[in-house]
Amino acid sequence: MAKIPATTTIYTRNGCPYCTKIKEVYNMNRWSYSEMKLDVNFGRDAFYSEFGHGATFPQVIIGGQKVGGCTDAVKYLREGKFL
């Protein structure tokens, strides 16, 4: 397992199983990340403005690149040989 090379921000909401899953992936690998929580750090309008009206939770940004949700983030990490 490689060390994740870039800063990660995960946009989450309470009760989201996919949000929990991607955080578990990071925690199991001891990778750091910043968590931005809906209704704590940002509102729904700001979320849709940033990610688009069809966006779902979570949204993962790695090294400034929007990689998408949980499935897309895991795919990105696998393809980059981090997982």
C-alpha atoms as a PDB file:
ATOM      1  CA  MET A   1       0.000   0.000   0.000  1.00  0.00           C
ATOM      2  CA  ALA A   2       1.366   3.360  -1.015  1.00  0.00           C
ATOM      3  CA  LYS A   3       1.038   6.599   0.876  1.00  0.00           C
ATOM      4  CA  ILE A   4      -1.579   8.869  -0.649  1.00  0.00           C
ATOM      5  CA  PRO A   5       0.438  11.697  -2.245  1.00  0.00           C
ATOM      6  CA  ALA A   6      -1.965  14.594  -2.008  1.00  0.00           C
ATOM      7  CA  THR A   7      -4.353  16.417   0.274  1.00  0.00           C
ATOM      8  CA  THR A   8      -7.836  14.908   0.328  1.00  0.00           C
ATOM      9  CA  THR A   9     -11.118  16.600   1.168  1.00  0.00           C
ATOM     10  CA  ILE A  10     -14.269  14.508   1.599  1.00  0.00           C
ATOM     11  CA  TYR A  11     -17.667  16.222   1.453  1.00  0.00           C
ATOM     12  CA  THR A  12     -20.113  14.234   3.584  1.00  0.00           C
ATOM     13  CA  ARG A  13     -23.602  14.267   5.078  1.00  0.00           C
ATOM     14  CA  ASN A  14     -24.940  12.527   8.178  1.00  0.00           C
ATOM     15  CA  GLY A  15     -26.425   9.068   7.649  1.00  0.00           C
ATOM     16  CA  CYS A  16     -24.632   8.438   4.351  1.00  0.00           C
ATOM     17  CA  PRO A  17     -23.251   4.866   4.180  1.00  0.00           C
ATOM     18  CA  TYR A  18     -20.962   5.714   1.257  1.00  0.00           C
ATOM     19  CA  CYS A  19     -19.504   8.618   3.220  1.00  0.00           C
ATOM     20  CA  THR A  20     -18.739   6.206   6.056  1.00  0.00           C
ATOM     21  CA  LYS A  21     -17.200   3.699   3.622  1.00  0.00           C
ATOM     22  CA  ILE A  22     -14.735   6.119   1.987  1.00  0.00           C
ATOM     23  CA  LYS A  23     -13.683   7.438   5.410  1.00  0.00           C
ATOM     24  CA  GLU A  24     -13.084   3.824   6.510  1.00  0.00           C
ATOM     25  CA  VAL A  25     -10.826   3.285   3.468  1.00  0.00           C
ATOM     26  CA  TYR A  26      -8.779   6.325   4.471  1.00  0.00           C
ATOM     27  CA  ASN A  27      -8.697   5.411   8.160  1.00  0.00           C
ATOM     28  CA  MET A  28      -7.658   1.784   7.487  1.00  0.00           C
ATOM     29  CA  ASN A  29      -4.712   3.051   5.434  1.00  0.00           C
ATOM     30  CA  ARG A  30      -3.902   5.767   7.982  1.00  0.00           C
ATOM     31  CA  TRP A  31      -4.290   8.475   5.337  1.00  0.00           C
ATOM     32  CA  SER A  32      -5.275  11.931   6.483  1.00  0.00           C
ATOM     33  CA  TYR A  33      -8.208  13.819   5.034  1.00  0.00           C
ATOM     34  CA  SER A  34     -10.296  16.876   5.750  1.00  0.00           C
ATOM     35  CA  GLU A  35     -13.993  16.287   6.191  1.00  0.00           C
ATOM     36  CA  MET A  36     -16.517  18.920   5.150  1.00  0.00           C
ATOM     37  CA  LYS A  37     -19.976  18.198   6.589  1.00  0.00           C
ATOM     38  CA  LEU A  38     -23.300  19.285   5.094  1.00  0.00           C
ATOM     39  CA  ASP A  39     -25.097  21.843   7.300  1.00  0.00           C
ATOM     40  CA  VAL A  40     -21.920  22.317   9.376  1.00  0.00           C
ATOM     41  CA  ASN A  41     -19.274  23.491   6.886  1.00  0.00           C
ATOM     42  CA  PHE A  42     -21.473  24.176   3.861  1.00  0.00           C
ATOM     43  CA  GLY A  43     -25.085  24.226   2.710  1.00  0.00           C
ATOM     44  CA  ARG A  44     -26.833  22.239   0.008  1.00  0.00           C
ATOM     45  CA  ASP A  45     -26.822  25.190  -2.430  1.00  0.00           C
ATOM     46  CA  ALA A  46     -23.044  25.592  -2.083  1.00  0.00           C
ATOM     47  CA  PHE A  47     -22.619  21.829  -2.603  1.00  0.00           C
ATOM     48  CA  TYR A  48     -24.656  21.835  -5.828  1.00  0.00           C
ATOM     49  CA  SER A  49     -22.886  24.976  -7.004  1.00  0.00           C
ATOM     50  CA  GLU A  50     -19.522  23.243  -6.542  1.00  0.00           C
ATOM     51  CA  PHE A  51     -20.359  19.729  -7.790  1.00  0.00           C
ATOM     52  CA  GLY A  52     -23.479  20.124  -9.932  1.00  0.00           C
ATOM     53  CA  HIS A  53     -27.173  19.479  -9.285  1.00  0.00           C
ATOM     54  CA  GLY A  54     -26.911  15.727  -9.928  1.00  0.00           C
ATOM     55  CA  ALA A  55     -24.099  15.249  -7.402  1.00  0.00           C
ATOM     56  CA  THR A  56     -24.483  12.762  -4.576  1.00  0.00           C
ATOM     57  CA  PHE A  57     -22.600  12.221  -1.326  1.00  0.00           C
ATOM     58  CA  PRO A  58     -19.772  11.809  -0.714  1.00  0.00           C
ATOM     59  CA  GLN A  59     -17.687  13.901  -3.071  1.00  0.00           C
ATOM     60  CA  VAL A  60     -13.933  13.372  -2.870  1.00  0.00           C
ATOM     61  CA  ILE A  61     -11.257  15.824  -3.948  1.00  0.00           C
ATOM     62  CA  ILE A  62      -7.690  14.475  -4.088  1.00  0.00           C
ATOM     63  CA  GLY A  63      -4.888  16.921  -4.776  1.00  0.00           C
ATOM     64  CA  GLY A  64      -7.358  19.513  -6.014  1.00  0.00           C
ATOM     65  CA  GLN A  65      -8.902  17.071  -8.509  1.00  0.00           C
ATOM     66  CA  LYS A  66     -12.584  16.192  -8.170  1.00  0.00           C
ATOM     67  CA  VAL A  67     -12.630  12.385  -8.399  1.00  0.00           C
ATOM     68  CA  GLY A  68     -16.312  11.830  -7.588  1.00  0.00           C
ATOM     69  CA  GLY A  69     -18.103   9.667  -5.074  1.00  0.00           C
ATOM     70  CA  CYS A  70     -17.057   6.617  -3.066  1.00  0.00           C
ATOM     71  CA  THR A  71     -16.904   4.174  -6.005  1.00  0.00           C
ATOM     72  CA  ASP A  72     -15.031   6.614  -8.237  1.00  0.00           C
ATOM     73  CA  ALA A  73     -12.591   7.499  -5.453  1.00  0.00           C
ATOM     74  CA  VAL A  74     -11.795   3.827  -4.747  1.00  0.00           C
ATOM     75  CA  LYS A  75     -11.307   3.257  -8.492  1.00  0.00           C
ATOM     76  CA  TYR A  76      -8.981   6.283  -8.671  1.00  0.00           C
ATOM     77  CA  LEU A  77      -6.969   4.989  -5.692  1.00  0.00           C
ATOM     78  CA  ARG A  78      -6.719   1.479  -7.187  1.00  0.00           C
ATOM     79  CA  GLU A  79      -5.667   2.749 -10.603  1.00  0.00           C
ATOM     80  CA  GLY A  80      -3.043   4.935  -8.930  1.00  0.00           C
ATOM     81  CA  LYS A  81      -1.746   1.827  -7.096  1.00  0.00           C
ATOM     82  CA  PHE A  82      -2.545   3.306  -3.689  1.00  0.00           C
ATOM     83  CA  LEU A  83      -4.861   0.367  -2.838  1.00  0.00           C
END
